[in-house]
């Protein structure tokens, strides 16, 4: 049922007019070490050193090069946080619809759920959804420079 509601949300948001939101409108994370974990995505488990200019969680946690590869179509405040809908271009799958729902204070913690929908090899729309939790862990260690990640596995 939850998957169906995400598909409906993606469809509705695709029909909305383009918004003026940009990646720069996203909340800023506190500078320092952030630990990223996901129970449903084994590749989303790492530590990241965030600095004042490398604080955009979508660009580092969801979609590399978000600012240059994605066009934000709509943003919406929710009771718990915010939702961003964007169209992105992937070298692997072509055009992608991206829905990111996020919440948290971005000083101690944040959580997001990302849904991507793309046309698969069969010509049918395929999608994937995963949830990520992040928490602030203090200063960055000496061996992890700003903008770098260290995989947990």
Foldseek 3Di string as FASTA:
>chain_A
DVVVVVVVVLVVLVPAAADPDALVPDDFADFAKKFKDWPVDLQGGWIAGADPVRGRCCCQRPNPPCRPFKGWRDKDADPAGIKTWIWGQDPVFGIKIKIKDKHDDSHFKIKIKIKIWGQDPVRDIDMDITMMIMGHDGHYDPVHDHPDIDGPD
